Amino acid sequence: MLRIAEDLEITDLKLACEQYFMDNLSIENAAEFLADAMSLSRGVSFGGMSSLVDKCIGFMEENAEEVVKTEGFLLLPKPAMIRLVSSDQVTLCFYL
């Protein structure tokens, strides 16, 4: 639905989808949400999806110790894993 809202430039629907995304972001689904947001951001010309990627990364940084223990983290696609582990906050979890 978010992809359609972006493609058709339906601002209210886009904002509602983004709000739903943020309201439902949790430790358990953060990795999946990051992968989805990164997948959606490919090919988007005006960068709306990149804000979701940034918000998801920020959430995962704040909750890094818990997120790295989830199954979703282990299943992250390579581009999402690279983006996430380039964060200093997340990288510290590997050394603790």
PDB file of N, CA and C in Angstrom:
ATOM      1  N   MET A   1       0.820  -1.183   0.000  1.00  0.00           N
ATOM      2  CA  MET A   1       0.000   0.000   0.000  1.00  0.00           C
ATOM      3  C   MET A   1       0.869   1.254   0.000  1.00  0.00           C
ATOM      4  N   LEU A   2       1.955   1.204   0.767  1.00  0.00           N
ATOM      5  CA  LEU A   2       2.848   2.359   0.822  1.00  0.00           C
ATOM      6  C   LEU A   2       3.475   2.633  -0.534  1.00  0.00           C
ATOM      7  N   ARG A   3       3.844   1.580  -1.247  1.00  0.00           N
ATOM      8  CA  ARG A   3       4.419   1.753  -2.591  1.00  0.00           C
ATOM      9  C   ARG A   3       3.412   2.441  -3.520  1.00  0.00           C
ATOM     10  N   ILE A   4       2.163   2.042  -3.437  1.00  0.00           N
ATOM     11  CA  ILE A   4       1.112   2.647  -4.268  1.00  0.00           C
ATOM     12  C   ILE A   4       0.942   4.115  -3.914  1.00  0.00           C
ATOM     13  N   ALA A   5       0.913   4.405  -2.615  1.00  0.00           N
ATOM     14  CA  ALA A   5       0.775   5.796  -2.173  1.00  0.00           C
ATOM     15  C   ALA A   5       1.932   6.644  -2.687  1.00  0.00           C
ATOM     16  N   GLU A   6       3.145   6.102  -2.651  1.00  0.00           N
ATOM     17  CA  GLU A   6       4.310   6.818  -3.182  1.00  0.00           C
ATOM     18  C   GLU A   6       4.178   7.024  -4.684  1.00  0.00           C
ATOM     19  N   ASP A   7       3.837   5.952  -5.400  1.00  0.00           N
ATOM     20  CA  ASP A   7       3.751   6.023  -6.861  1.00  0.00           C
ATOM     21  C   ASP A   7       2.690   7.023  -7.325  1.00  0.00           C
ATOM     22  N   LEU A   8       1.560   7.039  -6.614  1.00  0.00           N
ATOM     23  CA  LEU A   8       0.458   7.920  -7.002  1.00  0.00           C
ATOM     24  C   LEU A   8       0.510   9.281  -6.313  1.00  0.00           C
ATOM     25  N   GLU A   9       1.512   9.467  -5.469  1.00  0.00           N
ATOM     26  CA  GLU A   9       1.698  10.712  -4.732  1.00  0.00           C
ATOM     27  C   GLU A   9       0.457  11.097  -3.927  1.00  0.00           C
ATOM     28  N   ILE A  10      -0.090  10.113  -3.216  1.00  0.00           N
ATOM     29  CA  ILE A  10      -1.242  10.335  -2.340  1.00  0.00           C
ATOM     30  C   ILE A  10      -0.684  10.563  -0.939  1.00  0.00           C
ATOM     31  N   THR A  11      -0.477  11.805  -0.611  1.00  0.00           N
ATOM     32  CA  THR A  11       0.221  12.182   0.608  1.00  0.00           C
ATOM     33  C   THR A  11      -0.446  11.650   1.868  1.00  0.00           C
ATOM     34  N   ASP A  12      -1.772  11.792   1.987  1.00  0.00           N
ATOM     35  CA  ASP A  12      -2.457  11.338   3.199  1.00  0.00           C
ATOM     36  C   ASP A  12      -2.308   9.834   3.410  1.00  0.00           C
ATOM     37  N   LEU A  13      -2.419   9.063   2.346  1.00  0.00           N
ATOM     38  CA  LEU A  13      -2.259   7.614   2.448  1.00  0.00           C
ATOM     39  C   LEU A  13      -0.817   7.262   2.792  1.00  0.00           C
ATOM     40  N   LYS A  14       0.125   7.946   2.184  1.00  0.00           N
ATOM     41  CA  LYS A  14       1.544   7.730   2.473  1.00  0.00           C
ATOM     42  C   LYS A  14       1.830   7.988   3.945  1.00  0.00           C
ATOM     43  N   LEU A  15       1.328   9.106   4.462  1.00  0.00           N
ATOM     44  CA  LEU A  15       1.552   9.437   5.875  1.00  0.00           C
ATOM     45  C   LEU A  15       0.888   8.429   6.805  1.00  0.00           C
ATOM     46  N   ALA A  16      -0.302   7.968   6.438  1.00  0.00           N
ATOM     47  CA  ALA A  16      -0.991   6.962   7.257  1.00  0.00           C
ATOM     48  C   ALA A  16      -0.207   5.651   7.271  1.00  0.00           C
ATOM     49  N   CYS A  17       0.324   5.255   6.133  1.00  0.00           N
ATOM     50  CA  CYS A  17       1.129   4.026   6.059  1.00  0.00           C
ATOM     51  C   CYS A  17       2.413   4.161   6.871  1.00  0.00           C
ATOM     52  N   GLU A  18       3.065   5.310   6.763  1.00  0.00           N
ATOM     53  CA  GLU A  18       4.285   5.536   7.530  1.00  0.00           C
ATOM     54  C   GLU A  18       3.989   5.521   9.032  1.00  0.00           C
ATOM     55  N   GLN A  19       2.868   6.116   9.424  1.00  0.00           N
ATOM     56  CA  GLN A  19       2.499   6.126  10.839  1.00  0.00           C
ATOM     57  C   GLN A  19       2.217   4.714  11.330  1.00  0.00           C
ATOM     58  N   TYR A  20       1.538   3.926  10.512  1.00  0.00           N
ATOM     59  CA  TYR A  20       1.270   2.528  10.871  1.00  0.00           C
ATOM     60  C   TYR A  20       2.588   1.774  11.050  1.00  0.00           C
ATOM     61  N   PHE A  21       3.491   1.995  10.135  1.00  0.00           N
ATOM     62  CA  PHE A  21       4.816   1.371  10.188  1.00  0.00           C
ATOM     63  C   PHE A  21       5.498   1.700  11.516  1.00  0.00           C
ATOM     64  N   MET A  22       5.533   2.976  11.884  1.00  0.00           N
ATOM     65  CA  MET A  22       6.225   3.389  13.100  1.00  0.00           C
ATOM     66  C   MET A  22       5.487   2.929  14.362  1.00  0.00           C
ATOM     67  N   ASP A  23       4.162   2.931  14.324  1.00  0.00           N
ATOM     68  CA  ASP A  23       3.381   2.501  15.491  1.00  0.00           C
ATOM     69  C   ASP A  23       3.554   1.011  15.780  1.00  0.00           C
ATOM     70  N   ASN A  24       3.876   0.246  14.765  1.00  0.00           N
ATOM     71  CA  ASN A  24       3.974  -1.206  14.919  1.00  0.00           C
ATOM     72  C   ASN A  24       5.403  -1.732  14.933  1.00  0.00           C
ATOM     73  N   LEU A  25       6.369  -0.846  14.898  1.00  0.00           N
ATOM     74  CA  LEU A  25       7.774  -1.237  14.938  1.00  0.00           C
ATOM     75  C   LEU A  25       8.110  -1.762  16.333  1.00  0.00           C
ATOM     76  N   SER A  26       8.722  -2.938  16.389  1.00  0.00           N
ATOM     77  CA  SER A  26       9.077  -3.543  17.673  1.00  0.00           C
ATOM     78  C   SER A  26      10.421  -4.244  17.555  1.00  0.00           C
ATOM     79  N   ILE A  27      10.913  -4.697  18.692  1.00  0.00           N
ATOM     80  CA  ILE A  27      12.181  -5.440  18.716  1.00  0.00           C
ATOM     81  C   ILE A  27      12.081  -6.647  17.776  1.00  0.00           C
ATOM     82  N   GLU A  28      10.986  -7.363  17.861  1.00  0.00           N
ATOM     83  CA  GLU A  28      10.823  -8.609  17.104  1.00  0.00           C
ATOM     84  C   GLU A  28      10.689  -8.401  15.594  1.00  0.00           C
ATOM     85  N   ASN A  29      10.100  -7.275  15.155  1.00  0.00           N
ATOM     86  CA  ASN A  29       9.891  -7.103  13.718  1.00  0.00           C
ATOM     87  C   ASN A  29      10.785  -6.030  13.091  1.00  0.00           C
ATOM     88  N   ALA A  30      11.656  -5.428  13.874  1.00  0.00           N
ATOM     89  CA  ALA A  30      12.470  -4.321  13.365  1.00  0.00           C
ATOM     90  C   ALA A  30      13.322  -4.722  12.166  1.00  0.00           C
ATOM     91  N   ALA A  31      13.932  -5.893  12.222  1.00  0.00           N
ATOM     92  CA  ALA A  31      14.785  -6.327  11.115  1.00  0.00           C
ATOM     93  C   ALA A  31      13.965  -6.534   9.840  1.00  0.00           C
ATOM     94  N   GLU A  32      12.803  -7.138   9.988  1.00  0.00           N
ATOM     95  CA  GLU A  32      11.933  -7.336   8.827  1.00  0.00           C
ATOM     96  C   GLU A  32      11.461  -5.991   8.271  1.00  0.00           C
ATOM     97  N   PHE A  33      11.104  -5.069   9.151  1.00  0.00           N
ATOM     98  CA  PHE A  33      10.674  -3.744   8.707  1.00  0.00           C
ATOM     99  C   PHE A  33      11.806  -3.027   7.979  1.00  0.00           C
ATOM    100  N   LEU A  34      13.049  -3.161   8.478  1.00  0.00           N
ATOM    101  CA  LEU A  34      14.180  -2.535   7.796  1.00  0.00           C
ATOM    102  C   LEU A  34      14.338  -3.107   6.396  1.00  0.00           C
ATOM    103  N   ALA A  35      14.287  -4.414   6.284  1.00  0.00           N
ATOM    104  CA  ALA A  35      14.422  -5.043   4.967  1.00  0.00           C
ATOM    105  C   ALA A  35      13.312  -4.575   4.027  1.00  0.00           C
ATOM    106  N   ASP A  36      12.085  -4.503   4.539  1.00  0.00           N
ATOM    107  CA  ASP A  36      10.961  -4.045   3.714  1.00  0.00           C
ATOM    108  C   ASP A  36      11.132  -2.587   3.301  1.00  0.00           C
ATOM    109  N   ALA A  37      11.525  -1.736   4.247  1.00  0.00           N
ATOM    110  CA  ALA A  37      11.701  -0.315   3.941  1.00  0.00           C
ATOM    111  C   ALA A  37      12.810  -0.111   2.917  1.00  0.00           C
ATOM    112  N   MET A  38      13.888  -0.873   3.037  1.00  0.00           N
ATOM    113  CA  MET A  38      14.971  -0.749   2.062  1.00  0.00           C
ATOM    114  C   MET A  38      14.532  -1.250   0.697  1.00  0.00           C
ATOM    115  N   SER A  39      13.743  -2.308   0.679  1.00  0.00           N
ATOM    116  CA  SER A  39      13.225  -2.832  -0.579  1.00  0.00           C
ATOM    117  C   SER A  39      12.307  -1.807  -1.250  1.00  0.00           C
ATOM    118  N   LEU A  40      11.460  -1.176  -0.451  1.00  0.00           N
ATOM    119  CA  LEU A  40      10.554  -0.162  -0.991  1.00  0.00           C
ATOM    120  C   LEU A  40      11.298   1.083  -1.464  1.00  0.00           C
ATOM    121  N   SER A  41      12.425   1.389  -0.828  1.00  0.00           N
ATOM    122  CA  SER A  41      13.133   2.627  -1.167  1.00  0.00           C
ATOM    123  C   SER A  41      13.851   2.545  -2.504  1.00  0.00           C
ATOM    124  N   ARG A  42      14.078   1.342  -3.011  1.00  0.00           N
ATOM    125  CA  ARG A  42      14.730   1.212  -4.317  1.00  0.00           C
ATOM    126  C   ARG A  42      13.801   1.727  -5.403  1.00  0.00           C
ATOM    127  N   GLY A  43      14.317   2.629  -6.187  1.00  0.00           N
ATOM    128  CA  GLY A  43      13.544   3.131  -7.311  1.00  0.00           C
ATOM    129  C   GLY A  43      12.590   4.260  -6.970  1.00  0.00           C
ATOM    130  N   VAL A  44      12.535   4.678  -5.725  1.00  0.00           N
ATOM    131  CA  VAL A  44      11.670   5.798  -5.360  1.00  0.00           C
ATOM    132  C   VAL A  44      12.438   7.080  -5.631  1.00  0.00           C
ATOM    133  N   SER A  45      11.879   7.917  -6.494  1.00  0.00           N
ATOM    134  CA  SER A  45      12.625   9.071  -6.959  1.00  0.00           C
ATOM    135  C   SER A  45      12.687  10.207  -5.948  1.00  0.00           C
ATOM    136  N   PHE A  46      11.668  10.369  -5.096  1.00  0.00           N
ATOM    137  CA  PHE A  46      11.699  11.524  -4.208  1.00  0.00           C
ATOM    138  C   PHE A  46      12.006  11.166  -2.773  1.00  0.00           C
ATOM    139  N   GLY A  47      12.545   9.993  -2.534  1.00  0.00           N
ATOM    140  CA  GLY A  47      13.181   9.679  -1.270  1.00  0.00           C
ATOM    141  C   GLY A  47      12.301   9.528  -0.048  1.00  0.00           C
ATOM    142  N   GLY A  48      10.996   9.405  -0.196  1.00  0.00           N
ATOM    143  CA  GLY A  48      10.129   9.272   0.961  1.00  0.00           C
ATOM    144  C   GLY A  48      10.416   8.047   1.786  1.00  0.00           C
ATOM    145  N   MET A  49      10.782   6.964   1.124  1.00  0.00           N
ATOM    146  CA  MET A  49      11.029   5.721   1.835  1.00  0.00           C
ATOM    147  C   MET A  49      12.319   5.771   2.638  1.00  0.00           C
ATOM    148  N   SER A  50      13.257   6.596   2.224  1.00  0.00           N
ATOM    149  CA  SER A  50      14.520   6.641   2.954  1.00  0.00           C
ATOM    150  C   SER A  50      14.309   7.118   4.387  1.00  0.00           C
ATOM    151  N   SER A  51      13.284   7.929   4.633  1.00  0.00           N
ATOM    152  CA  SER A  51      13.013   8.351   6.005  1.00  0.00           C
ATOM    153  C   SER A  51      12.581   7.165   6.855  1.00  0.00           C
ATOM    154  N   LEU A  52      11.851   6.222   6.271  1.00  0.00           N
ATOM    155  CA  LEU A  52      11.474   5.017   7.012  1.00  0.00           C
ATOM    156  C   LEU A  52      12.703   4.161   7.309  1.00  0.00           C
ATOM    157  N   VAL A  53      13.599   4.065   6.361  1.00  0.00           N
ATOM    158  CA  VAL A  53      14.843   3.322   6.581  1.00  0.00           C
ATOM    159  C   VAL A  53      15.603   3.969   7.732  1.00  0.00           C
ATOM    160  N   ASP A  54      15.725   5.281   7.712  1.00  0.00           N
ATOM    161  CA  ASP A  54      16.452   5.992   8.765  1.00  0.00           C
ATOM    162  C   ASP A  54      15.791   5.809  10.126  1.00  0.00           C
ATOM    163  N   LYS A  55      14.473   5.866  10.163  1.00  0.00           N
ATOM    164  CA  LYS A  55      13.752   5.684  11.428  1.00  0.00           C
ATOM    165  C   LYS A  55      13.927   4.264  11.953  1.00  0.00           C
ATOM    166  N   CYS A  56      13.893   3.316  11.060  1.00  0.00           N
ATOM    167  CA  CYS A  56      14.067   1.923  11.453  1.00  0.00           C
ATOM    168  C   CYS A  56      15.485   1.691  11.965  1.00  0.00           C
ATOM    169  N   ILE A  57      16.477   2.232  11.281  1.00  0.00           N
ATOM    170  CA  ILE A  57      17.867   2.130  11.725  1.00  0.00           C
ATOM    171  C   ILE A  57      18.008   2.768  13.104  1.00  0.00           C
ATOM    172  N   GLY A  58      17.414   3.934  13.291  1.00  0.00           N
ATOM    173  CA  GLY A  58      17.484   4.612  14.584  1.00  0.00           C
ATOM    174  C   GLY A  58      16.884   3.773  15.703  1.00  0.00           C
ATOM    175  N   PHE A  59      15.732   3.171  15.434  1.00  0.00           N
ATOM    176  CA  PHE A  59      15.094   2.303  16.428  1.00  0.00           C
ATOM    177  C   PHE A  59      15.990   1.114  16.746  1.00  0.00           C
ATOM    178  N   MET A  60      16.563   0.537  15.714  1.00  0.00           N
ATOM    179  CA  MET A  60      17.424  -0.629  15.910  1.00  0.00           C
ATOM    180  C   MET A  60      18.704  -0.255  16.644  1.00  0.00           C
ATOM    181  N   GLU A  61      19.221   0.946  16.423  1.00  0.00           N
ATOM    182  CA  GLU A  61      20.395   1.403  17.166  1.00  0.00           C
ATOM    183  C   GLU A  61      20.066   1.537  18.649  1.00  0.00           C
ATOM    184  N   GLU A  62      18.911   2.128  18.938  1.00  0.00           N
ATOM    185  CA  GLU A  62      18.501   2.322  20.331  1.00  0.00           C
ATOM    186  C   GLU A  62      18.263   1.000  21.053  1.00  0.00           C
ATOM    187  N   ASN A  63      17.904  -0.026  20.308  1.00  0.00           N
ATOM    188  CA  ASN A  63      17.558  -1.327  20.890  1.00  0.00           C
ATOM    189  C   ASN A  63      18.478  -2.433  20.390  1.00  0.00           C
ATOM    190  N   ALA A  64      19.699  -2.062  20.068  1.00  0.00           N
ATOM    191  CA  ALA A  64      20.627  -2.974  19.389  1.00  0.00           C
ATOM    192  C   ALA A  64      20.860  -4.279  20.148  1.00  0.00           C
ATOM    193  N   GLU A  65      21.026  -4.191  21.452  1.00  0.00           N
ATOM    194  CA  GLU A  65      21.318  -5.410  22.215  1.00  0.00           C
ATOM    195  C   GLU A  65      20.221  -6.454  22.076  1.00  0.00           C
ATOM    196  N   GLU A  66      18.969  -6.010  22.011  1.00  0.00           N
ATOM    197  CA  GLU A  66      17.856  -6.936  21.873  1.00  0.00           C
ATOM    198  C   GLU A  66      17.632  -7.358  20.421  1.00  0.00           C
ATOM    199  N   VAL A  67      17.775  -6.398  19.504  1.00  0.00           N
ATOM    200  CA  VAL A  67      17.508  -6.666  18.091  1.00  0.00           C
ATOM    201  C   VAL A  67      18.457  -7.724  17.528  1.00  0.00           C
ATOM    202  N   VAL A  68      19.736  -7.671  17.911  1.00  0.00           N
ATOM    203  CA  VAL A  68      20.698  -8.625  17.346  1.00  0.00           C
ATOM    204  C   VAL A  68      20.433 -10.055  17.807  1.00  0.00           C
ATOM    205  N   LYS A  69      19.572 -10.233  18.787  1.00  0.00           N
ATOM    206  CA  LYS A  69      19.227 -11.569  19.290  1.00  0.00           C
ATOM    207  C   LYS A  69      18.001 -12.164  18.605  1.00  0.00           C
ATOM    208  N   THR A  70      17.374 -11.417  17.706  1.00  0.00           N
ATOM    209  CA  THR A  70      16.149 -11.895  17.066  1.00  0.00           C
ATOM    210  C   THR A  70      16.451 -12.722  15.821  1.00  0.00           C
ATOM    211  N   GLU A  71      15.519 -13.566  15.483  1.00  0.00           N
ATOM    212  CA  GLU A  71      15.653 -14.377  14.269  1.00  0.00           C
ATOM    213  C   GLU A  71      15.661 -13.489  13.031  1.00  0.00           C
ATOM    214  N   GLY A  72      14.866 -12.428  13.053  1.00  0.00           N
ATOM    215  CA  GLY A  72      14.817 -11.511  11.922  1.00  0.00           C
ATOM    216  C   GLY A  72      16.161 -10.894  11.604  1.00  0.00           C
ATOM    217  N   PHE A  73      16.929 -10.605  12.645  1.00  0.00           N
ATOM    218  CA  PHE A  73      18.258 -10.051  12.433  1.00  0.00           C
ATOM    219  C   PHE A  73      19.136 -11.029  11.664  1.00  0.00           C
ATOM    220  N   LEU A  74      19.026 -12.301  12.015  1.00  0.00           N
ATOM    221  CA  LEU A  74      19.820 -13.327  11.342  1.00  0.00           C
ATOM    222  C   LEU A  74      19.408 -13.518   9.889  1.00  0.00           C
ATOM    223  N   LEU A  75      18.182 -13.142   9.558  1.00  0.00           N
ATOM    224  CA  LEU A  75      17.659 -13.332   8.206  1.00  0.00           C
ATOM    225  C   LEU A  75      17.720 -12.073   7.341  1.00  0.00           C
ATOM    226  N   LEU A  76      18.348 -11.013   7.852  1.00  0.00           N
ATOM    227  CA  LEU A  76      18.429  -9.774   7.079  1.00  0.00           C
ATOM    228  C   LEU A  76      19.138  -9.999   5.749  1.00  0.00           C
ATOM    229  N   PRO A  77      18.613  -9.425   4.683  1.00  0.00           N
ATOM    230  CA  PRO A  77      19.330  -9.488   3.405  1.00  0.00           C
ATOM    231  C   PRO A  77      20.643  -8.702   3.506  1.00  0.00           C
ATOM    232  N   LYS A  78      21.583  -9.046   2.675  1.00  0.00           N
ATOM    233  CA  LYS A  78      22.928  -8.462   2.727  1.00  0.00           C
ATOM    234  C   LYS A  78      22.919  -6.925   2.728  1.00  0.00           C
ATOM    235  N   PRO A  79      22.179  -6.247   1.829  1.00  0.00           N
ATOM    236  CA  PRO A  79      22.217  -4.773   1.855  1.00  0.00           C
ATOM    237  C   PRO A  79      21.722  -4.183   3.180  1.00  0.00           C
ATOM    238  N   ALA A  80      20.700  -4.804   3.761  1.00  0.00           N
ATOM    239  CA  ALA A  80      20.187  -4.316   5.040  1.00  0.00           C
ATOM    240  C   ALA A  80      21.200  -4.563   6.152  1.00  0.00           C
ATOM    241  N   MET A  81      21.840  -5.714   6.137  1.00  0.00           N
ATOM    242  CA  MET A  81      22.848  -6.034   7.155  1.00  0.00           C
ATOM    243  C   MET A  81      24.020  -5.062   7.067  1.00  0.00           C
ATOM    244  N   ILE A  82      24.474  -4.786   5.864  1.00  0.00           N
ATOM    245  CA  ILE A  82      25.587  -3.852   5.668  1.00  0.00           C
ATOM    246  C   ILE A  82      25.216  -2.480   6.196  1.00  0.00           C
ATOM    247  N   ARG A  83      24.021  -2.025   5.848  1.00  0.00           N
ATOM    248  CA  ARG A  83      23.569  -0.703   6.302  1.00  0.00           C
ATOM    249  C   ARG A  83      23.503  -0.654   7.825  1.00  0.00           C
ATOM    250  N   LEU A  84      23.005  -1.705   8.424  1.00  0.00           N
ATOM    251  CA  LEU A  84      22.827  -1.730   9.871  1.00  0.00           C
ATOM    252  C   LEU A  84      24.155  -1.845  10.614  1.00  0.00           C
ATOM    253  N   VAL A  85      25.022  -2.752  10.201  1.00  0.00           N
ATOM    254  CA  VAL A  85      26.268  -2.945  10.945  1.00  0.00           C
ATOM    255  C   VAL A  85      27.282  -1.836  10.702  1.00  0.00           C
ATOM    256  N   SER A  86      27.003  -0.958   9.762  1.00  0.00           N
ATOM    257  CA  SER A  86      27.878   0.204   9.595  1.00  0.00           C
ATOM    258  C   SER A  86      27.632   1.239  10.688  1.00  0.00           C
ATOM    259  N   SER A  87      26.594   1.033  11.480  1.00  0.00           N
ATOM    260  CA  SER A  87      26.294   1.905  12.607  1.00  0.00           C
ATOM    261  C   SER A  87      27.215   1.574  13.777  1.00  0.00           C
ATOM    262  N   ASP A  88      27.836   2.576  14.353  1.00  0.00           N
ATOM    263  CA  ASP A  88      28.718   2.366  15.506  1.00  0.00           C
ATOM    264  C   ASP A  88      27.970   1.751  16.675  1.00  0.00           C
ATOM    265  N   GLN A  89      26.732   2.177  16.896  1.00  0.00           N
ATOM    266  CA  GLN A  89      25.933   1.681  18.021  1.00  0.00           C
ATOM    267  C   GLN A  89      25.698   0.182  17.907  1.00  0.00           C
ATOM    268  N   VAL A  90      25.346  -0.287  16.733  1.00  0.00           N
ATOM    269  CA  VAL A  90      25.080  -1.707  16.532  1.00  0.00           C
ATOM    270  C   VAL A  90      26.381  -2.503  16.578  1.00  0.00           C
ATOM    271  N   THR A  91      27.434  -1.974  15.992  1.00  0.00           N
ATOM    272  CA  THR A  91      28.714  -2.669  15.980  1.00  0.00           C
ATOM    273  C   THR A  91      29.223  -2.918  17.402  1.00  0.00           C
ATOM    274  N   LEU A  92      28.968  -1.997  18.310  1.00  0.00           N
ATOM    275  CA  LEU A  92      29.387  -2.191  19.707  1.00  0.00           C
ATOM    276  C   LEU A  92      28.770  -3.432  20.332  1.00  0.00           C
ATOM    277  N   CYS A  93      27.568  -3.791  19.922  1.00  0.00           N
ATOM    278  CA  CYS A  93      26.884  -4.971  20.479  1.00  0.00           C
ATOM    279  C   CYS A  93      27.656  -6.249  20.190  1.00  0.00           C
ATOM    280  N   PHE A  94      28.372  -6.279  19.108  1.00  0.00           N
ATOM    281  CA  PHE A  94      29.131  -7.471  18.753  1.00  0.00           C
ATOM    282  C   PHE A  94      30.355  -7.653  19.639  1.00  0.00           C
ATOM    283  N   TYR A  95      30.785  -6.577  20.256  1.00  0.00           N
ATOM    284  CA  TYR A  95      31.978  -6.633  21.106  1.00  0.00           C
ATOM    285  C   TYR A  95      31.652  -6.783  22.588  1.00  0.00           C
ATOM    286  N   LEU A  96      30.384  -6.648  22.938  1.00  0.00           N
ATOM    287  CA  LEU A  96      30.003  -6.735  24.358  1.00  0.00           C
ATOM    288  C   LEU A  96      29.798  -8.155  24.794  1.00  0.00           C
TER     289      LEU A  96
END
